[in-house]
Amino acid sequence: MTINSPEFLFIHGAGGTSSKWRKQKERLELVSARYIDLPGHGNNKAAIPVTIESYAEWINQTLEDDVIVVGHSMGGLIGLELAARSQRVKGLILVASHYRLPVHPKILQQLSEGILPDSFFYASYAGDVDPMLIEEEKKERNMVPVNVVKADLKACDQYQRGKSVVQSVEIPILAIYGEEDKLLPKDAMEKLIALNDSIKAIVLEGAGHYVMLENADTFTDEILRFRQEVE
């Protein structure tokens, strides 16, 4: 690793914490990386931003070095917005993400009633996911209050700038998808590449929306390969 190599900046998704990257952290001990808890998540007790733009600006204020952003789902939207704001972003990895992440009104209504639907939870993983991972993730979802999940998903639903950012940004972008992701539109990859044909996209087998947990080794290999290309 050269002295000026950009570090990985891992941004979790809606209702998550930095723990979503726990399998990457195990493998990247010798690689410069930051695993942040967004405001209102995990150990970060700051006030919850209400828009993707305000999340991105919060991170932007902390950037002191060049980074490759690795953003999962909502974290991908934040990564896009951050790339539009900061020349510190030298590369972007969209993980199970897209330029638009609309949320069904029924889910937002259930969250308003204090209910995090089990169907939404289980739909986030591949059909034959490791049962031990599901048990870990059940504990993980209790780490973030339902009102925070609602605020996150509402921010995703309202974010409109992603399409124009994808079209205009001039940094390397890698999009990683899970083969069995039920939460993204089926044509998400095709629509993304149509906006910017320099984007590289890969699909990982045996994974749903949490591809970095469900196919962790291959995922980590791919982001390390991308990092070498950016350098």
C-alpha atoms as a PDB file:
ATOM      1  CA  MET A   1       0.000   0.000   0.000  1.00  0.00           C
ATOM      2  CA  THR A   2       1.396   3.381  -0.956  1.00  0.00           C
ATOM      3  CA  ILE A   3       1.393   6.258   1.496  1.00  0.00           C
ATOM      4  CA  ASN A   4      -1.260   8.166  -0.466  1.00  0.00           C
ATOM      5  CA  SER A   5      -3.589   5.228  -1.054  1.00  0.00           C
ATOM      6  CA  PRO A   6      -7.222   6.152  -0.359  1.00  0.00           C
ATOM      7  CA  GLU A   7      -8.751   4.444   2.629  1.00  0.00           C
ATOM      8  CA  PHE A   8     -12.018   2.543   2.551  1.00  0.00           C
ATOM      9  CA  LEU A   9     -14.931   4.439   4.073  1.00  0.00           C
ATOM     10  CA  PHE A  10     -17.704   1.973   4.905  1.00  0.00           C
ATOM     11  CA  ILE A  11     -21.235   3.425   5.180  1.00  0.00           C
ATOM     12  CA  HIS A  12     -23.970   1.102   6.410  1.00  0.00           C
ATOM     13  CA  GLY A  13     -27.563   1.130   5.204  1.00  0.00           C
ATOM     14  CA  ALA A  14     -30.936   2.029   6.681  1.00  0.00           C
ATOM     15  CA  GLY A  15     -31.422   0.798  10.223  1.00  0.00           C
ATOM     16  CA  GLY A  16     -27.902  -0.594  10.336  1.00  0.00           C
ATOM     17  CA  THR A  17     -24.655   0.056  12.174  1.00  0.00           C
ATOM     18  CA  SER A  18     -20.989  -0.326  11.378  1.00  0.00           C
ATOM     19  CA  SER A  19     -21.351  -3.941  12.533  1.00  0.00           C
ATOM     20  CA  LYS A  20     -22.816  -4.776   9.115  1.00  0.00           C
ATOM     21  CA  TRP A  21     -19.209  -4.732   7.894  1.00  0.00           C
ATOM     22  CA  ARG A  22     -17.951  -7.101  10.593  1.00  0.00           C
ATOM     23  CA  LYS A  23     -16.832  -9.785   8.131  1.00  0.00           C
ATOM     24  CA  GLN A  24     -14.850  -7.263   6.113  1.00  0.00           C
ATOM     25  CA  LYS A  25     -13.231  -5.893   9.259  1.00  0.00           C
ATOM     26  CA  GLU A  26     -11.907  -9.367  10.032  1.00  0.00           C
ATOM     27  CA  ARG A  27     -10.102  -9.517   6.681  1.00  0.00           C
ATOM     28  CA  LEU A  28      -8.975  -5.922   6.316  1.00  0.00           C
ATOM     29  CA  GLU A  29      -6.886  -5.536   9.464  1.00  0.00           C
ATOM     30  CA  LEU A  30      -3.882  -4.351   7.463  1.00  0.00           C
ATOM     31  CA  VAL A  31      -5.864  -2.076   5.148  1.00  0.00           C
ATOM     32  CA  SER A  32      -6.660   1.532   6.010  1.00  0.00           C
ATOM     33  CA  ALA A  33     -10.416   1.668   6.592  1.00  0.00           C
ATOM     34  CA  ARG A  34     -13.087   3.536   8.564  1.00  0.00           C
ATOM     35  CA  TYR A  35     -16.300   1.859   9.683  1.00  0.00           C
ATOM     36  CA  ILE A  36     -18.668   4.611  10.757  1.00  0.00           C
ATOM     37  CA  ASP A  37     -21.929   4.612  12.670  1.00  0.00           C
ATOM     38  CA  LEU A  38     -24.188   7.201  11.094  1.00  0.00           C
ATOM     39  CA  PRO A  39     -25.796   9.725  13.483  1.00  0.00           C
ATOM     40  CA  GLY A  40     -28.450   8.059  15.630  1.00  0.00           C
ATOM     41  CA  HIS A  41     -27.089   4.567  14.895  1.00  0.00           C
ATOM     42  CA  GLY A  42     -24.954   2.270  17.021  1.00  0.00           C
ATOM     43  CA  ASN A  43     -22.566   4.245  19.193  1.00  0.00           C
ATOM     44  CA  ASN A  44     -23.258   7.561  17.458  1.00  0.00           C
ATOM     45  CA  LYS A  45     -25.785   9.444  19.592  1.00  0.00           C
ATOM     46  CA  ALA A  46     -25.913  12.564  17.416  1.00  0.00           C
ATOM     47  CA  ALA A  47     -29.270  13.755  16.060  1.00  0.00           C
ATOM     48  CA  ILE A  48     -30.592  11.772  13.103  1.00  0.00           C
ATOM     49  CA  PRO A  49     -30.354  13.640   9.782  1.00  0.00           C
ATOM     50  CA  VAL A  50     -33.637  13.642   7.855  1.00  0.00           C
ATOM     51  CA  THR A  51     -32.257  13.623   4.305  1.00  0.00           C
ATOM     52  CA  ILE A  52     -29.604  11.794   2.316  1.00  0.00           C
ATOM     53  CA  GLU A  53     -28.022  15.167   1.612  1.00  0.00           C
ATOM     54  CA  SER A  54     -27.655  15.951   5.317  1.00  0.00           C
ATOM     55  CA  TYR A  55     -26.132  12.535   6.002  1.00  0.00           C
ATOM     56  CA  ALA A  56     -23.601  13.188   3.230  1.00  0.00           C
ATOM     57  CA  GLU A  57     -22.777  16.636   4.568  1.00  0.00           C
ATOM     58  CA  TRP A  58     -22.218  15.208   8.064  1.00  0.00           C
ATOM     59  CA  ILE A  59     -19.644  12.796   6.629  1.00  0.00           C
ATOM     60  CA  ASN A  60     -18.161  15.466   4.380  1.00  0.00           C
ATOM     61  CA  GLN A  61     -17.281  17.530   7.425  1.00  0.00           C
ATOM     62  CA  THR A  62     -15.188  14.624   8.768  1.00  0.00           C
ATOM     63  CA  LEU A  63     -13.147  13.903   5.626  1.00  0.00           C
ATOM     64  CA  GLU A  64      -9.448  14.619   5.986  1.00  0.00           C
ATOM     65  CA  ASP A  65      -8.016  12.057   3.575  1.00  0.00           C
ATOM     66  CA  ASP A  66      -8.884  10.553   0.209  1.00  0.00           C
ATOM     67  CA  VAL A  67     -11.407   7.712   0.398  1.00  0.00           C
ATOM     68  CA  ILE A  68     -13.058   4.946  -1.539  1.00  0.00           C
ATOM     69  CA  VAL A  69     -16.632   4.915  -0.305  1.00  0.00           C
ATOM     70  CA  VAL A  70     -18.273   1.534   0.192  1.00  0.00           C
ATOM     71  CA  GLY A  71     -21.977   2.212   0.705  1.00  0.00           C
ATOM     72  CA  HIS A  72     -24.642  -0.395   1.352  1.00  0.00           C
ATOM     73  CA  SER A  73     -28.192   0.376   0.161  1.00  0.00           C
ATOM     74  CA  MET A  74     -28.960   3.766   1.786  1.00  0.00           C
ATOM     75  CA  GLY A  75     -25.211   4.089   2.283  1.00  0.00           C
ATOM     76  CA  GLY A  76     -24.860   3.946  -1.492  1.00  0.00           C
ATOM     77  CA  LEU A  77     -27.157   6.947  -1.886  1.00  0.00           C
ATOM     78  CA  ILE A  78     -25.102   8.771   0.735  1.00  0.00           C
ATOM     79  CA  GLY A  79     -21.963   7.782  -1.161  1.00  0.00           C
ATOM     80  CA  LEU A  80     -23.333   9.230  -4.392  1.00  0.00           C
ATOM     81  CA  GLU A  81     -24.209  12.480  -2.674  1.00  0.00           C
ATOM     82  CA  LEU A  82     -20.819  12.590  -0.960  1.00  0.00           C
ATOM     83  CA  ALA A  83     -19.040  12.046  -4.278  1.00  0.00           C
ATOM     84  CA  ALA A  84     -20.934  15.005  -5.712  1.00  0.00           C
ATOM     85  CA  ARG A  85     -19.726  17.195  -2.829  1.00  0.00           C
ATOM     86  CA  SER A  86     -16.137  16.169  -2.204  1.00  0.00           C
ATOM     87  CA  GLN A  87     -13.040  15.646  -4.310  1.00  0.00           C
ATOM     88  CA  ARG A  88     -11.786  13.453  -1.480  1.00  0.00           C
ATOM     89  CA  VAL A  89     -13.934  10.636  -2.898  1.00  0.00           C
ATOM     90  CA  LYS A  90     -11.693   8.807  -5.373  1.00  0.00           C
ATOM     91  CA  GLY A  91     -13.904   5.784  -5.943  1.00  0.00           C
ATOM     92  CA  LEU A  92     -17.371   4.530  -5.060  1.00  0.00           C
ATOM     93  CA  ILE A  93     -18.643   1.014  -4.455  1.00  0.00           C
ATOM     94  CA  LEU A  94     -22.426   0.742  -4.515  1.00  0.00           C
ATOM     95  CA  VAL A  95     -23.420  -2.331  -2.523  1.00  0.00           C
ATOM     96  CA  ALA A  96     -26.967  -3.579  -3.200  1.00  0.00           C
ATOM     97  CA  SER A  97     -27.844   0.012  -3.990  1.00  0.00           C
ATOM     98  CA  HIS A  98     -29.230   2.160  -6.799  1.00  0.00           C
ATOM     99  CA  TYR A  99     -29.756   5.801  -7.726  1.00  0.00           C
ATOM    100  CA  ARG A 100     -33.352   5.600  -6.438  1.00  0.00           C
ATOM    101  CA  LEU A 101     -34.577   3.565  -3.465  1.00  0.00           C
ATOM    102  CA  PRO A 102     -38.329   4.117  -3.158  1.00  0.00           C
ATOM    103  CA  VAL A 103     -40.080   2.537  -0.176  1.00  0.00           C
ATOM    104  CA  HIS A 104     -43.613   1.144  -0.238  1.00  0.00           C
ATOM    105  CA  PRO A 105     -46.021   3.376   1.730  1.00  0.00           C
ATOM    106  CA  LYS A 106     -47.294   0.337   3.651  1.00  0.00           C
ATOM    107  CA  ILE A 107     -43.848  -0.276   5.125  1.00  0.00           C
ATOM    108  CA  LEU A 108     -43.525   3.363   6.188  1.00  0.00           C
ATOM    109  CA  GLN A 109     -46.963   3.189   7.770  1.00  0.00           C
ATOM    110  CA  GLN A 110     -46.085   0.047   9.730  1.00  0.00           C
ATOM    111  CA  LEU A 111     -42.896   1.696  10.947  1.00  0.00           C
ATOM    112  CA  SER A 112     -44.952   4.726  12.028  1.00  0.00           C
ATOM    113  CA  GLU A 113     -46.950   2.316  14.179  1.00  0.00           C
ATOM    114  CA  GLY A 114     -43.767   0.967  15.759  1.00  0.00           C
ATOM    115  CA  ILE A 115     -43.756  -2.237  13.726  1.00  0.00           C
ATOM    116  CA  LEU A 116     -40.728  -3.514  11.829  1.00  0.00           C
ATOM    117  CA  PRO A 117     -42.297  -6.137   9.549  1.00  0.00           C
ATOM    118  CA  ASP A 118     -40.778  -9.607   9.738  1.00  0.00           C
ATOM    119  CA  SER A 119     -41.493 -10.013   6.016  1.00  0.00           C
ATOM    120  CA  PHE A 120     -39.226  -7.059   5.253  1.00  0.00           C
ATOM    121  CA  PHE A 121     -36.481  -8.536   7.429  1.00  0.00           C
ATOM    122  CA  TYR A 122     -36.543 -11.988   5.844  1.00  0.00           C
ATOM    123  CA  ALA A 123     -36.828 -10.584   2.310  1.00  0.00           C
ATOM    124  CA  SER A 124     -33.423  -8.996   2.837  1.00  0.00           C
ATOM    125  CA  TYR A 125     -31.602 -12.338   2.617  1.00  0.00           C
ATOM    126  CA  ALA A 126     -31.239 -15.176   0.141  1.00  0.00           C
ATOM    127  CA  GLY A 127     -33.520 -18.164   0.483  1.00  0.00           C
ATOM    128  CA  ASP A 128     -30.813 -20.543   1.668  1.00  0.00           C
ATOM    129  CA  VAL A 129     -28.971 -18.093   3.895  1.00  0.00           C
ATOM    130  CA  ASP A 130     -26.955 -19.525   6.781  1.00  0.00           C
ATOM    131  CA  PRO A 131     -29.352 -19.828   9.778  1.00  0.00           C
ATOM    132  CA  MET A 132     -26.561 -18.673  12.085  1.00  0.00           C
ATOM    133  CA  LEU A 133     -26.307 -15.429  10.135  1.00  0.00           C
ATOM    134  CA  ILE A 134     -30.059 -14.888  10.479  1.00  0.00           C
ATOM    135  CA  GLU A 135     -29.800 -15.310  14.244  1.00  0.00           C
ATOM    136  CA  GLU A 136     -26.953 -12.784  14.352  1.00  0.00           C
ATOM    137  CA  GLU A 137     -28.970 -10.361  12.265  1.00  0.00           C
ATOM    138  CA  LYS A 138     -32.040 -10.680  14.479  1.00  0.00           C
ATOM    139  CA  LYS A 139     -29.908  -9.398  17.335  1.00  0.00           C
ATOM    140  CA  GLU A 140     -28.488  -6.685  15.106  1.00  0.00           C
ATOM    141  CA  ARG A 141     -31.887  -5.265  14.182  1.00  0.00           C
ATOM    142  CA  ASN A 142     -32.642  -4.635  17.849  1.00  0.00           C
ATOM    143  CA  MET A 143     -29.674  -2.267  18.045  1.00  0.00           C
ATOM    144  CA  VAL A 144     -31.480   0.508  16.144  1.00  0.00           C
ATOM    145  CA  PRO A 145     -34.900   1.875  17.209  1.00  0.00           C
ATOM    146  CA  VAL A 146     -37.829   1.572  14.804  1.00  0.00           C
ATOM    147  CA  ASN A 147     -38.157   5.355  14.548  1.00  0.00           C
ATOM    148  CA  VAL A 148     -34.588   5.530  13.230  1.00  0.00           C
ATOM    149  CA  VAL A 149     -35.344   2.862  10.628  1.00  0.00           C
ATOM    150  CA  LYS A 150     -38.388   4.854   9.566  1.00  0.00           C
ATOM    151  CA  ALA A 151     -36.383   8.087   9.266  1.00  0.00           C
ATOM    152  CA  ASP A 152     -33.774   6.290   7.169  1.00  0.00           C
ATOM    153  CA  LEU A 153     -36.278   4.703   4.794  1.00  0.00           C
ATOM    154  CA  LYS A 154     -38.165   7.968   4.452  1.00  0.00           C
ATOM    155  CA  ALA A 155     -34.887   9.689   3.524  1.00  0.00           C
ATOM    156  CA  CYS A 156     -34.278   6.995   0.893  1.00  0.00           C
ATOM    157  CA  ASP A 157     -37.787   7.369  -0.481  1.00  0.00           C
ATOM    158  CA  GLN A 158     -37.439  11.131  -0.846  1.00  0.00           C
ATOM    159  CA  TYR A 159     -33.956  11.258  -2.391  1.00  0.00           C
ATOM    160  CA  GLN A 160     -34.146  12.370  -6.026  1.00  0.00           C
ATOM    161  CA  ARG A 161     -30.635  13.486  -6.999  1.00  0.00           C
ATOM    162  CA  GLY A 162     -29.054  10.082  -7.547  1.00  0.00           C
ATOM    163  CA  LYS A 163     -29.756   9.833 -11.263  1.00  0.00           C
ATOM    164  CA  SER A 164     -28.105  13.131 -12.117  1.00  0.00           C
ATOM    165  CA  VAL A 165     -25.130  12.338  -9.875  1.00  0.00           C
ATOM    166  CA  VAL A 166     -24.552   8.970 -11.557  1.00  0.00           C
ATOM    167  CA  GLN A 167     -24.633  10.672 -14.939  1.00  0.00           C
ATOM    168  CA  SER A 168     -22.185  13.406 -14.005  1.00  0.00           C
ATOM    169  CA  VAL A 169     -19.706  11.920 -11.525  1.00  0.00           C
ATOM    170  CA  GLU A 170     -16.245  11.221 -12.952  1.00  0.00           C
ATOM    171  CA  ILE A 171     -14.791   8.696 -10.526  1.00  0.00           C
ATOM    172  CA  PRO A 172     -14.550   4.900 -10.831  1.00  0.00           C
ATOM    173  CA  ILE A 173     -17.736   3.171  -9.676  1.00  0.00           C
ATOM    174  CA  LEU A 174     -18.259  -0.501  -8.908  1.00  0.00           C
ATOM    175  CA  ALA A 175     -21.778  -1.813  -8.324  1.00  0.00           C
ATOM    176  CA  ILE A 176     -22.087  -5.122  -6.457  1.00  0.00           C
ATOM    177  CA  TYR A 177     -25.399  -6.985  -6.415  1.00  0.00           C
ATOM    178  CA  GLY A 178     -26.680 -10.102  -4.711  1.00  0.00           C
ATOM    179  CA  GLU A 179     -28.123 -12.619  -7.149  1.00  0.00           C
ATOM    180  CA  GLU A 180     -31.201 -13.078  -4.935  1.00  0.00           C
ATOM    181  CA  ASP A 181     -31.764  -9.463  -3.881  1.00  0.00           C
ATOM    182  CA  LYS A 182     -35.533  -9.008  -3.524  1.00  0.00           C
ATOM    183  CA  LEU A 183     -35.408  -5.365  -2.416  1.00  0.00           C
ATOM    184  CA  LEU A 184     -33.963  -3.778  -5.543  1.00  0.00           C
ATOM    185  CA  PRO A 185     -35.773  -3.489  -8.892  1.00  0.00           C
ATOM    186  CA  LYS A 186     -34.944  -6.445 -11.117  1.00  0.00           C
ATOM    187  CA  ASP A 187     -33.549  -4.130 -13.781  1.00  0.00           C
ATOM    188  CA  ALA A 188     -31.533  -1.989 -11.360  1.00  0.00           C
ATOM    189  CA  MET A 189     -28.157  -2.980 -12.782  1.00  0.00           C
ATOM    190  CA  GLU A 190     -29.182  -2.346 -16.378  1.00  0.00           C
ATOM    191  CA  LYS A 191     -30.667   1.051 -15.546  1.00  0.00           C
ATOM    192  CA  LEU A 192     -27.576   2.084 -13.596  1.00  0.00           C
ATOM    193  CA  ILE A 193     -25.144   1.154 -16.364  1.00  0.00           C
ATOM    194  CA  ALA A 194     -27.351   2.887 -18.937  1.00  0.00           C
ATOM    195  CA  LEU A 195     -26.718   6.167 -17.119  1.00  0.00           C
ATOM    196  CA  ASN A 196     -22.941   5.767 -16.983  1.00  0.00           C
ATOM    197  CA  ASP A 197     -21.326   3.103 -19.127  1.00  0.00           C
ATOM    198  CA  SER A 198     -18.021   3.366 -17.245  1.00  0.00           C
ATOM    199  CA  ILE A 199     -19.598   1.672 -14.215  1.00  0.00           C
ATOM    200  CA  LYS A 200     -18.435  -1.873 -13.584  1.00  0.00           C
ATOM    201  CA  ALA A 201     -21.106  -4.192 -12.184  1.00  0.00           C
ATOM    202  CA  ILE A 202     -20.891  -7.689 -10.744  1.00  0.00           C
ATOM    203  CA  VAL A 203     -23.455 -10.112  -9.341  1.00  0.00           C
ATOM    204  CA  LEU A 204     -22.524 -12.446  -6.494  1.00  0.00           C
ATOM    205  CA  GLU A 205     -24.153 -15.842  -6.140  1.00  0.00           C
ATOM    206  CA  GLY A 206     -25.888 -17.045  -3.003  1.00  0.00           C
ATOM    207  CA  ALA A 207     -26.588 -13.573  -1.678  1.00  0.00           C
ATOM    208  CA  GLY A 208     -29.543 -11.286  -1.183  1.00  0.00           C
ATOM    209  CA  HIS A 209     -29.578  -7.646  -0.129  1.00  0.00           C
ATOM    210  CA  TYR A 210     -26.853  -8.138   2.514  1.00  0.00           C
ATOM    211  CA  VAL A 211     -24.324  -9.388   0.001  1.00  0.00           C
ATOM    212  CA  MET A 212     -21.327  -8.321   2.144  1.00  0.00           C
ATOM    213  CA  LEU A 213     -22.475 -10.720   4.877  1.00  0.00           C
ATOM    214  CA  GLU A 214     -23.928 -13.522   2.767  1.00  0.00           C
ATOM    215  CA  ASN A 215     -20.992 -13.881   0.362  1.00  0.00           C
ATOM    216  CA  ALA A 216     -18.371 -12.104   2.421  1.00  0.00           C
ATOM    217  CA  ASP A 217     -15.169 -13.608   1.012  1.00  0.00           C
ATOM    218  CA  THR A 218     -15.960 -12.962  -2.638  1.00  0.00           C
ATOM    219  CA  PHE A 219     -17.298  -9.519  -1.792  1.00  0.00           C
ATOM    220  CA  THR A 220     -14.120  -8.575   0.045  1.00  0.00           C
ATOM    221  CA  ASP A 221     -11.962  -9.907  -2.789  1.00  0.00           C
ATOM    222  CA  GLU A 222     -13.856  -7.707  -5.239  1.00  0.00           C
ATOM    223  CA  ILE A 223     -13.531  -4.491  -3.245  1.00  0.00           C
ATOM    224  CA  LEU A 224      -9.806  -5.098  -2.766  1.00  0.00           C
ATOM    225  CA  ARG A 225      -9.443  -5.626  -6.521  1.00  0.00           C
ATOM    226  CA  PHE A 226     -11.319  -2.371  -7.149  1.00  0.00           C
ATOM    227  CA  ARG A 227      -9.049  -0.558  -4.713  1.00  0.00           C
ATOM    228  CA  GLN A 228      -5.996  -1.647  -6.671  1.00  0.00           C
ATOM    229  CA  GLU A 229      -7.573  -0.320  -9.864  1.00  0.00           C
ATOM    230  CA  VAL A 230      -8.302   3.048  -8.249  1.00  0.00           C
ATOM    231  CA  GLU A 231      -4.727   3.349  -6.998  1.00  0.00           C
END
